[in-house]
PDB file of N, CA and C in Angstrom:
ATOM      1  N   MET A   1     -12.841  22.969   3.891  1.00  0.00           N
ATOM      2  CA  MET A   1     -12.162  21.578   4.155  1.00  0.00           C
ATOM      3  C   MET A   1     -11.058  21.751   3.279  1.00  0.00           C
ATOM      4  N   THR A   2      -9.810  21.142   3.747  1.00  0.00           N
ATOM      5  CA  THR A   2      -8.637  21.262   2.783  1.00  0.00           C
ATOM      6  C   THR A   2      -8.385  19.952   2.030  1.00  0.00           C
ATOM      7  N   VAL A   3      -7.744  19.931   1.204  1.00  0.00           N
ATOM      8  CA  VAL A   3      -7.688  18.959   0.533  1.00  0.00           C
ATOM      9  C   VAL A   3      -7.207  17.529   1.370  1.00  0.00           C
ATOM     10  N   ARG A   4      -6.161  17.908   2.218  1.00  0.00           N
ATOM     11  CA  ARG A   4      -5.809  16.592   3.025  1.00  0.00           C
ATOM     12  C   ARG A   4      -6.778  16.114   4.101  1.00  0.00           C
ATOM     13  N   GLU A   5      -7.625  17.157   4.257  1.00  0.00           N
ATOM     14  CA  GLU A   5      -8.970  16.463   5.288  1.00  0.00           C
ATOM     15  C   GLU A   5      -9.950  15.907   4.379  1.00  0.00           C
ATOM     16  N   TYR A   6     -10.261  16.322   3.045  1.00  0.00           N
ATOM     17  CA  TYR A   6     -11.093  15.597   2.214  1.00  0.00           C
ATOM     18  C   TYR A   6     -10.473  14.257   1.980  1.00  0.00           C
ATOM     19  N   ASN A   7      -9.178  14.226   1.779  1.00  0.00           N
ATOM     20  CA  ASN A   7      -8.544  12.861   1.552  1.00  0.00           C
ATOM     21  C   ASN A   7      -8.613  12.005   2.914  1.00  0.00           C
ATOM     22  N   LEU A   8      -8.592  12.254   3.759  1.00  0.00           N
ATOM     23  CA  LEU A   8      -8.625  11.739   5.286  1.00  0.00           C
ATOM     24  C   LEU A   8      -9.979  11.060   5.096  1.00  0.00           C
ATOM     25  N   ARG A   9     -11.014  12.166   5.071  1.00  0.00           N
ATOM     26  CA  ARG A   9     -12.350  11.799   5.079  1.00  0.00           C
ATOM     27  C   ARG A   9     -12.674  10.714   4.128  1.00  0.00           C
ATOM     28  N   MET A  10     -12.056  10.485   2.854  1.00  0.00           N
ATOM     29  CA  MET A  10     -12.488   9.581   1.990  1.00  0.00           C
ATOM     30  C   MET A  10     -11.944   8.221   2.386  1.00  0.00           C
ATOM     31  N   LYS A  11     -10.558   8.516   2.924  1.00  0.00           N
ATOM     32  CA  LYS A  11     -10.008   7.244   3.195  1.00  0.00           C
ATOM     33  C   LYS A  11     -10.541   6.100   4.324  1.00  0.00           C
ATOM     34  N   GLY A  12     -11.280   7.254   5.288  1.00  0.00           N
ATOM     35  CA  GLY A  12     -11.997   6.949   6.441  1.00  0.00           C
ATOM     36  C   GLY A  12     -13.402   6.053   6.050  1.00  0.00           C
ATOM     37  N   TYR A  13     -14.348   6.704   4.875  1.00  0.00           N
ATOM     38  CA  TYR A  13     -15.306   6.141   4.335  1.00  0.00           C
ATOM     39  C   TYR A  13     -14.952   4.600   3.658  1.00  0.00           C
ATOM     40  N   LEU A  14     -13.776   4.946   2.889  1.00  0.00           N
ATOM     41  CA  LEU A  14     -13.626   3.473   2.079  1.00  0.00           C
ATOM     42  C   LEU A  14     -13.209   2.385   3.214  1.00  0.00           C
ATOM     43  N   ILE A  15     -12.504   2.859   4.386  1.00  0.00           N
ATOM     44  CA  ILE A  15     -12.179   1.685   5.246  1.00  0.00           C
ATOM     45  C   ILE A  15     -13.714   1.477   6.028  1.00  0.00           C
ATOM     46  N   LYS A  16     -14.718   2.228   6.267  1.00  0.00           N
ATOM     47  CA  LYS A  16     -15.564   2.005   6.811  1.00  0.00           C
ATOM     48  C   LYS A  16     -16.682   1.090   5.926  1.00  0.00           C
ATOM     49  N   HIS A  17     -16.560   1.019   4.486  1.00  0.00           N
ATOM     50  CA  HIS A  17     -17.053   0.285   3.678  1.00  0.00           C
ATOM     51  C   HIS A  17     -16.623  -1.078   3.581  1.00  0.00           C
ATOM     52  N   LEU A  18     -15.087  -0.997   3.796  1.00  0.00           N
ATOM     53  CA  LEU A  18     -14.557  -2.383   3.441  1.00  0.00           C
ATOM     54  C   LEU A  18     -14.763  -3.098   4.970  1.00  0.00           C
ATOM     55  N   GLU A  19     -14.777  -2.713   5.902  1.00  0.00           N
ATOM     56  CA  GLU A  19     -15.495  -3.315   7.313  1.00  0.00           C
ATOM     57  C   GLU A  19     -16.906  -3.605   7.175  1.00  0.00           C
ATOM     58  N   THR A  20     -17.823  -3.050   6.335  1.00  0.00           N
ATOM     59  CA  THR A  20     -19.259  -3.537   6.274  1.00  0.00           C
ATOM     60  C   THR A  20     -19.036  -4.951   5.333  1.00  0.00           C
ATOM     61  N   GLU A  21     -18.295  -4.672   4.175  1.00  0.00           N
ATOM     62  CA  GLU A  21     -18.002  -5.594   3.082  1.00  0.00           C
ATOM     63  C   GLU A  21     -17.642  -7.049   3.766  1.00  0.00           C
ATOM     64  N   ARG A  22     -16.622  -6.819   4.657  1.00  0.00           N
ATOM     65  CA  ARG A  22     -16.099  -7.812   5.275  1.00  0.00           C
ATOM     66  C   ARG A  22     -17.062  -8.413   6.389  1.00  0.00           C
ATOM     67  N   ASN A  23     -17.831  -7.801   6.953  1.00  0.00           N
ATOM     68  CA  ASN A  23     -18.766  -8.119   7.894  1.00  0.00           C
ATOM     69  C   ASN A  23     -19.930  -8.978   7.135  1.00  0.00           C
ATOM     70  N   ILE A  24     -20.110  -8.365   5.569  1.00  0.00           N
ATOM     71  CA  ILE A  24     -21.429  -9.400   5.150  1.00  0.00           C
ATOM     72  C   ILE A  24     -20.624 -10.600   4.654  1.00  0.00           C
ATOM     73  N   TYR A  25     -19.449 -10.546   3.951  1.00  0.00           N
ATOM     74  CA  TYR A  25     -18.524 -11.898   4.029  1.00  0.00           C
ATOM     75  C   TYR A  25     -18.483 -12.746   4.932  1.00  0.00           C
ATOM     76  N   LEU A  26     -18.223 -12.301   6.355  1.00  0.00           N
ATOM     77  CA  LEU A  26     -18.229 -13.118   7.044  1.00  0.00           C
ATOM     78  C   LEU A  26     -19.634 -13.802   7.773  1.00  0.00           C
ATOM     79  N   SER A  27     -20.709 -12.981   7.456  1.00  0.00           N
ATOM     80  CA  SER A  27     -21.747 -13.697   7.775  1.00  0.00           C
ATOM     81  C   SER A  27     -21.934 -14.859   6.837  1.00  0.00           C
ATOM     82  N   ALA A  28     -21.594 -14.667   5.525  1.00  0.00           N
ATOM     83  CA  ALA A  28     -21.908 -15.648   4.496  1.00  0.00           C
ATOM     84  C   ALA A  28     -21.060 -16.981   4.818  1.00  0.00           C
ATOM     85  N   PHE A  29     -19.927 -16.600   5.280  1.00  0.00           N
ATOM     86  CA  PHE A  29     -18.767 -17.840   5.720  1.00  0.00           C
ATOM     87  C   PHE A  29     -19.410 -18.317   6.898  1.00  0.00           C
ATOM     88  N   ILE A  30     -19.992 -17.769   7.926  1.00  0.00           N
ATOM     89  CA  ILE A  30     -20.608 -18.510   9.167  1.00  0.00           C
ATOM     90  C   ILE A  30     -21.620 -19.419   8.414  1.00  0.00           C
ATOM     91  N   LYS A  31     -22.591 -18.759   7.673  1.00  0.00           N
ATOM     92  CA  LYS A  31     -23.828 -19.770   7.158  1.00  0.00           C
ATOM     93  C   LYS A  31     -22.925 -20.806   6.327  1.00  0.00           C
ATOM     94  N   ARG A  32     -21.949 -20.772   5.524  1.00  0.00           N
ATOM     95  CA  ARG A  32     -21.351 -21.702   4.803  1.00  0.00           C
ATOM     96  C   ARG A  32     -20.889 -22.790   5.773  1.00  0.00           C
ATOM     97  N   ASN A  33     -20.333 -22.424   6.865  1.00  0.00           N
ATOM     98  CA  ASN A  33     -19.537 -23.403   7.766  1.00  0.00           C
ATOM     99  C   ASN A  33     -20.596 -24.334   8.184  1.00  0.00           C
ATOM    100  N   ALA A  34     -21.811 -24.037   8.416  1.00  0.00           N
ATOM    101  CA  ALA A  34     -23.047 -25.066   8.686  1.00  0.00           C
ATOM    102  C   ALA A  34     -23.348 -25.618   7.823  1.00  0.00           C
ATOM    103  N   GLU A  35     -23.335 -25.280   6.228  1.00  0.00           N
ATOM    104  CA  GLU A  35     -24.030 -26.257   5.167  1.00  0.00           C
ATOM    105  C   GLU A  35     -23.070 -26.642   4.269  1.00  0.00           C
ATOM    106  N   ALA A  36     -22.182 -25.989   3.944  1.00  0.00           N
ATOM    107  CA  ALA A  36     -21.432 -26.499   2.585  1.00  0.00           C
ATOM    108  C   ALA A  36     -20.269 -27.458   2.905  1.00  0.00           C
ATOM    109  N   THR A  37     -20.464 -28.434   1.882  1.00  0.00           N
ATOM    110  CA  THR A  37     -19.125 -29.549   1.697  1.00  0.00           C
ATOM    111  C   THR A  37     -19.442 -29.826   0.445  1.00  0.00           C
ATOM    112  N   ASN A  38     -18.376 -30.692  -0.118  1.00  0.00           N
ATOM    113  CA  ASN A  38     -18.143 -31.546  -1.152  1.00  0.00           C
ATOM    114  C   ASN A  38     -18.781 -32.605  -1.166  1.00  0.00           C
ATOM    115  N   GLN A  39     -18.606 -33.557  -2.192  1.00  0.00           N
ATOM    116  CA  GLN A  39     -19.030 -34.954  -2.281  1.00  0.00           C
ATOM    117  C   GLN A  39     -18.306 -35.774  -0.861  1.00  0.00           C
ATOM    118  N   SER A  40     -17.270 -35.418  -0.647  1.00  0.00           N
ATOM    119  CA  SER A  40     -16.799 -36.421   0.351  1.00  0.00           C
ATOM    120  C   SER A  40     -16.928 -35.760   1.756  1.00  0.00           C
ATOM    121  N   GLY A  41     -17.799 -35.083   1.944  1.00  0.00           N
ATOM    122  CA  GLY A  41     -18.269 -34.236   3.203  1.00  0.00           C
ATOM    123  C   GLY A  41     -16.944 -33.450   3.618  1.00  0.00           C
ATOM    124  N   GLU A  42     -16.088 -32.795   2.650  1.00  0.00           N
ATOM    125  CA  GLU A  42     -15.081 -31.834   3.509  1.00  0.00           C
ATOM    126  C   GLU A  42     -15.532 -30.310   2.771  1.00  0.00           C
ATOM    127  N   TYR A  43     -15.281 -29.711   3.818  1.00  0.00           N
ATOM    128  CA  TYR A  43     -15.639 -28.162   3.298  1.00  0.00           C
ATOM    129  C   TYR A  43     -14.729 -27.413   2.064  1.00  0.00           C
ATOM    130  N   ILE A  44     -15.467 -26.838   1.111  1.00  0.00           N
ATOM    131  CA  ILE A  44     -14.848 -26.192   0.233  1.00  0.00           C
ATOM    132  C   ILE A  44     -13.866 -25.296   0.391  1.00  0.00           C
ATOM    133  N   TYR A  45     -13.902 -24.408   1.404  1.00  0.00           N
ATOM    134  CA  TYR A  45     -13.078 -23.326   1.814  1.00  0.00           C
ATOM    135  C   TYR A  45     -12.677 -23.970   3.260  1.00  0.00           C
ATOM    136  N   LYS A  46     -11.592 -24.037   3.492  1.00  0.00           N
ATOM    137  CA  LYS A  46     -10.675 -24.424   4.731  1.00  0.00           C
ATOM    138  C   LYS A  46     -10.638 -23.457   5.711  1.00  0.00           C
ATOM    139  N   ASP A  47     -10.695 -22.305   5.208  1.00  0.00           N
ATOM    140  CA  ASP A  47     -10.743 -20.892   6.243  1.00  0.00           C
ATOM    141  C   ASP A  47     -11.289 -19.935   5.831  1.00  0.00           C
ATOM    142  N   PHE A  48     -11.772 -19.020   6.599  1.00  0.00           N
ATOM    143  CA  PHE A  48     -11.914 -17.534   5.798  1.00  0.00           C
ATOM    144  C   PHE A  48     -11.464 -16.784   4.886  1.00  0.00           C
ATOM    145  N   LYS A  49     -10.278 -17.197   5.316  1.00  0.00           N
ATOM    146  CA  LYS A  49      -9.303 -16.238   4.230  1.00  0.00           C
ATOM    147  C   LYS A  49      -9.404 -16.923   2.813  1.00  0.00           C
ATOM    148  N   ASP A  50      -9.739 -18.154   2.612  1.00  0.00           N
ATOM    149  CA  ASP A  50      -9.735 -18.752   1.363  1.00  0.00           C
ATOM    150  C   ASP A  50     -11.146 -18.062   0.444  1.00  0.00           C
ATOM    151  N   PHE A  51     -12.059 -17.795   1.498  1.00  0.00           N
ATOM    152  CA  PHE A  51     -13.296 -17.276   1.141  1.00  0.00           C
ATOM    153  C   PHE A  51     -13.227 -15.635   0.819  1.00  0.00           C
ATOM    154  N   TYR A  52     -12.634 -15.170   1.711  1.00  0.00           N
ATOM    155  CA  TYR A  52     -12.583 -13.487   1.596  1.00  0.00           C
ATOM    156  C   TYR A  52     -11.415 -13.058   2.157  1.00  0.00           C
ATOM    157  N   ASP A  53     -10.644 -12.563   1.216  1.00  0.00           N
ATOM    158  CA  ASP A  53      -9.064 -12.305   1.327  1.00  0.00           C
ATOM    159  C   ASP A  53      -9.099 -10.639   2.024  1.00  0.00           C
ATOM    160  N   TYR A  54      -9.087 -10.298   3.192  1.00  0.00           N
ATOM    161  CA  TYR A  54      -9.252  -8.969   3.585  1.00  0.00           C
ATOM    162  C   TYR A  54      -8.205  -8.016   3.164  1.00  0.00           C
ATOM    163  N   ASP A  55      -7.023  -8.795   3.344  1.00  0.00           N
ATOM    164  CA  ASP A  55      -5.780  -7.834   3.284  1.00  0.00           C
ATOM    165  C   ASP A  55      -5.750  -7.678   1.542  1.00  0.00           C
ATOM    166  N   GLU A  56      -5.973  -8.512   0.771  1.00  0.00           N
ATOM    167  CA  GLU A  56      -5.957  -8.169  -0.711  1.00  0.00           C
ATOM    168  C   GLU A  56      -7.212  -7.281  -0.958  1.00  0.00           C
ATOM    169  N   ARG A  57      -8.200  -7.592  -0.537  1.00  0.00           N
ATOM    170  CA  ARG A  57      -9.431  -6.338  -0.615  1.00  0.00           C
ATOM    171  C   ARG A  57      -8.863  -5.039  -0.255  1.00  0.00           C
ATOM    172  N   LYS A  58      -8.186  -4.833   0.931  1.00  0.00           N
ATOM    173  CA  LYS A  58      -7.814  -3.591   1.522  1.00  0.00           C
ATOM    174  C   LYS A  58      -6.883  -2.914   0.467  1.00  0.00           C
ATOM    175  N   ARG A  59      -5.782  -3.778  -0.005  1.00  0.00           N
ATOM    176  CA  ARG A  59      -4.634  -3.385  -0.849  1.00  0.00           C
ATOM    177  C   ARG A  59      -5.267  -2.762  -2.112  1.00  0.00           C
ATOM    178  N   LYS A  60      -6.234  -3.422  -2.628  1.00  0.00           N
ATOM    179  CA  LYS A  60      -6.955  -3.294  -4.005  1.00  0.00           C
ATOM    180  C   LYS A  60      -7.758  -1.794  -3.846  1.00  0.00           C
ATOM    181  N   LEU A  61      -8.437  -1.798  -2.566  1.00  0.00           N
ATOM    182  CA  LEU A  61      -9.326  -0.719  -2.228  1.00  0.00           C
ATOM    183  C   LEU A  61      -8.607   0.744  -1.854  1.00  0.00           C
ATOM    184  N   LEU A  62      -7.326   0.298  -1.435  1.00  0.00           N
ATOM    185  CA  LEU A  62      -6.631   1.725  -0.730  1.00  0.00           C
ATOM    186  C   LEU A  62      -5.516   1.772  -1.420  1.00  0.00           C
ATOM    187  N   GLY A  63      -5.147   1.068  -2.175  1.00  0.00           N
ATOM    188  CA  GLY A  63      -3.924   1.119  -2.833  1.00  0.00           C
ATOM    189  C   GLY A  63      -2.539   0.332  -1.993  1.00  0.00           C
ATOM    190  N   ASP A  64      -1.777   0.450  -2.745  1.00  0.00           N
ATOM    191  CA  ASP A  64      -0.295  -0.393  -2.312  1.00  0.00           C
ATOM    192  C   ASP A  64       0.475   0.597  -1.410  1.00  0.00           C
ATOM    193  N   LYS A  65       0.590   1.819  -1.720  1.00  0.00           N
ATOM    194  CA  LYS A  65       1.146   2.657  -0.854  1.00  0.00           C
ATOM    195  C   LYS A  65       0.598   4.196  -0.926  1.00  0.00           C
ATOM    196  N   PRO A  66       0.773   5.125  -0.064  1.00  0.00           N
ATOM    197  CA  PRO A  66       0.087   6.125  -0.044  1.00  0.00           C
ATOM    198  C   PRO A  66       0.628   7.153  -1.210  1.00  0.00           C
ATOM    199  N   LYS A  67      -0.226   8.133  -1.678  1.00  0.00           N
ATOM    200  CA  LYS A  67      -0.095   8.793  -2.683  1.00  0.00           C
ATOM    201  C   LYS A  67       0.988   9.998  -2.424  1.00  0.00           C
ATOM    202  N   GLN A  68       1.701  10.166  -3.261  1.00  0.00           N
ATOM    203  CA  GLN A  68       2.692  11.523  -3.057  1.00  0.00           C
ATOM    204  C   GLN A  68       2.068  12.484  -3.485  1.00  0.00           C
ATOM    205  N   LEU A  69       2.465  13.797  -2.664  1.00  0.00           N
ATOM    206  CA  LEU A  69       1.708  14.810  -3.088  1.00  0.00           C
ATOM    207  C   LEU A  69       2.458  15.279  -4.071  1.00  0.00           C
ATOM    208  N   ASP A  70       1.772  16.369  -5.173  1.00  0.00           N
ATOM    209  CA  ASP A  70       2.517  17.148  -6.280  1.00  0.00           C
ATOM    210  C   ASP A  70       3.674  17.729  -5.587  1.00  0.00           C
ATOM    211  N   LYS A  71       4.747  17.817  -6.215  1.00  0.00           N
ATOM    212  CA  LYS A  71       6.181  18.659  -6.062  1.00  0.00           C
ATOM    213  C   LYS A  71       5.971  20.192  -5.936  1.00  0.00           C
ATOM    214  N   THR A  72       5.178  20.366  -6.948  1.00  0.00           N
ATOM    215  CA  THR A  72       4.819  22.003  -7.073  1.00  0.00           C
ATOM    216  C   THR A  72       4.033  22.256  -5.971  1.00  0.00           C
ATOM    217  N   ILE A  73       3.051  21.629  -5.337  1.00  0.00           N
ATOM    218  CA  ILE A  73       2.538  22.065  -4.030  1.00  0.00           C
ATOM    219  C   ILE A  73       3.005  22.134  -2.805  1.00  0.00           C
ATOM    220  N   VAL A  74       4.104  21.267  -2.882  1.00  0.00           N
ATOM    221  CA  VAL A  74       5.113  21.021  -1.700  1.00  0.00           C
ATOM    222  C   VAL A  74       5.971  21.915  -1.865  1.00  0.00           C
ATOM    223  N   ASN A  75       6.748  22.336  -3.066  1.00  0.00           N
ATOM    224  CA  ASN A  75       7.780  23.532  -3.250  1.00  0.00           C
ATOM    225  C   ASN A  75       7.008  24.858  -2.753  1.00  0.00           C
ATOM    226  N   ARG A  76       5.793  24.945  -3.280  1.00  0.00           N
ATOM    227  CA  ARG A  76       5.195  26.271  -2.913  1.00  0.00           C
ATOM    228  C   ARG A  76       4.716  26.308  -1.046  1.00  0.00           C
ATOM    229  N   ALA A  77       4.455  25.197  -0.633  1.00  0.00           N
ATOM    230  CA  ALA A  77       4.413  25.485   0.804  1.00  0.00           C
ATOM    231  C   ALA A  77       5.619  25.692   1.478  1.00  0.00           C
ATOM    232  N   LYS A  78       6.625  25.093   1.114  1.00  0.00           N
ATOM    233  CA  LYS A  78       7.900  25.580   1.484  1.00  0.00           C
ATOM    234  C   LYS A  78       8.550  26.936   1.154  1.00  0.00           C
ATOM    235  N   ARG A  79       7.983  27.568   0.087  1.00  0.00           N
ATOM    236  CA  ARG A  79       8.299  28.775   0.034  1.00  0.00           C
ATOM    237  C   ARG A  79       7.443  29.792   0.766  1.00  0.00           C
ATOM    238  N   VAL A  80       6.286  29.513   0.872  1.00  0.00           N
ATOM    239  CA  VAL A  80       5.488  30.432   1.774  1.00  0.00           C
ATOM    240  C   VAL A  80       5.976  30.233   3.360  1.00  0.00           C
ATOM    241  N   LYS A  81       6.365  28.969   3.779  1.00  0.00           N
ATOM    242  CA  LYS A  81       6.929  28.947   5.220  1.00  0.00           C
ATOM    243  C   LYS A  81       8.095  29.704   5.062  1.00  0.00           C
ATOM    244  N   GLU A  82       8.983  29.845   4.263  1.00  0.00           N
ATOM    245  CA  GLU A  82      10.238  30.634   4.369  1.00  0.00           C
ATOM    246  C   GLU A  82       9.959  32.050   4.210  1.00  0.00           C
ATOM    247  N   LEU A  83       9.042  32.536   3.219  1.00  0.00           N
ATOM    248  CA  LEU A  83       8.492  33.916   3.475  1.00  0.00           C
ATOM    249  C   LEU A  83       7.789  34.280   4.724  1.00  0.00           C
ATOM    250  N   ARG A  84       7.257  33.410   5.719  1.00  0.00           N
ATOM    251  CA  ARG A  84       6.737  33.955   6.818  1.00  0.00           C
ATOM    252  C   ARG A  84       7.762  33.902   8.063  1.00  0.00           C
ATOM    253  N   GLU A  85       8.862  32.956   7.873  1.00  0.00           N
ATOM    254  CA  GLU A  85       9.766  33.273   8.557  1.00  0.00           C
ATOM    255  C   GLU A  85      10.605  34.341   8.676  1.00  0.00           C
ATOM    256  N   LYS A  86      10.767  34.805   7.274  1.00  0.00           N
ATOM    257  CA  LYS A  86      11.339  36.177   7.101  1.00  0.00           C
ATOM    258  C   LYS A  86      10.471  37.503   7.198  1.00  0.00           C
ATOM    259  N   GLY A  87       9.609  37.154   7.657  1.00  0.00           N
ATOM    260  CA  GLY A  87       8.255  38.247   8.102  1.00  0.00           C
ATOM    261  C   GLY A  87       8.101  38.853   6.420  1.00  0.00           C
ATOM    262  N   GLY A  88       8.058  38.415   5.106  1.00  0.00           N
ATOM    263  CA  GLY A  88       7.447  38.916   3.941  1.00  0.00           C
ATOM    264  C   GLY A  88       6.326  38.532   3.796  1.00  0.00           C
ATOM    265  N   ILE A  89       5.469  37.651   4.547  1.00  0.00           N
ATOM    266  CA  ILE A  89       4.348  37.382   4.231  1.00  0.00           C
ATOM    267  C   ILE A  89       3.287  37.417   5.480  1.00  0.00           C
ATOM    268  N   ASN A  90       2.143  37.684   5.557  1.00  0.00           N
ATOM    269  CA  ASN A  90       1.338  37.668   6.819  1.00  0.00           C
ATOM    270  C   ASN A  90       0.058  36.558   6.961  1.00  0.00           C
ATOM    271  N   VAL A  91       0.332  35.910   5.704  1.00  0.00           N
ATOM    272  CA  VAL A  91      -1.082  34.870   5.663  1.00  0.00           C
ATOM    273  C   VAL A  91      -1.047  33.641   6.451  1.00  0.00           C
TER     274      VAL A  91
END
């Protein structure tokens, strides 16, 4: 398994975990919808996003932006590609 494949599998695992977590919170929200009110009879949470912010959790779990590859690795890959094109490497 390559590093790229490993990273993709880990991202898939984290997204699956995130979806499971969201479903748990959604179930709790539905239960709350039938029961929880404040003293004046209004719901404490107006909508599901007030209770569980999926986008914020996704950002925290997966990060703001994709991780950048190490420049050394990128430069070496370019060099290998150049050598292959010139016929200097058979790997």
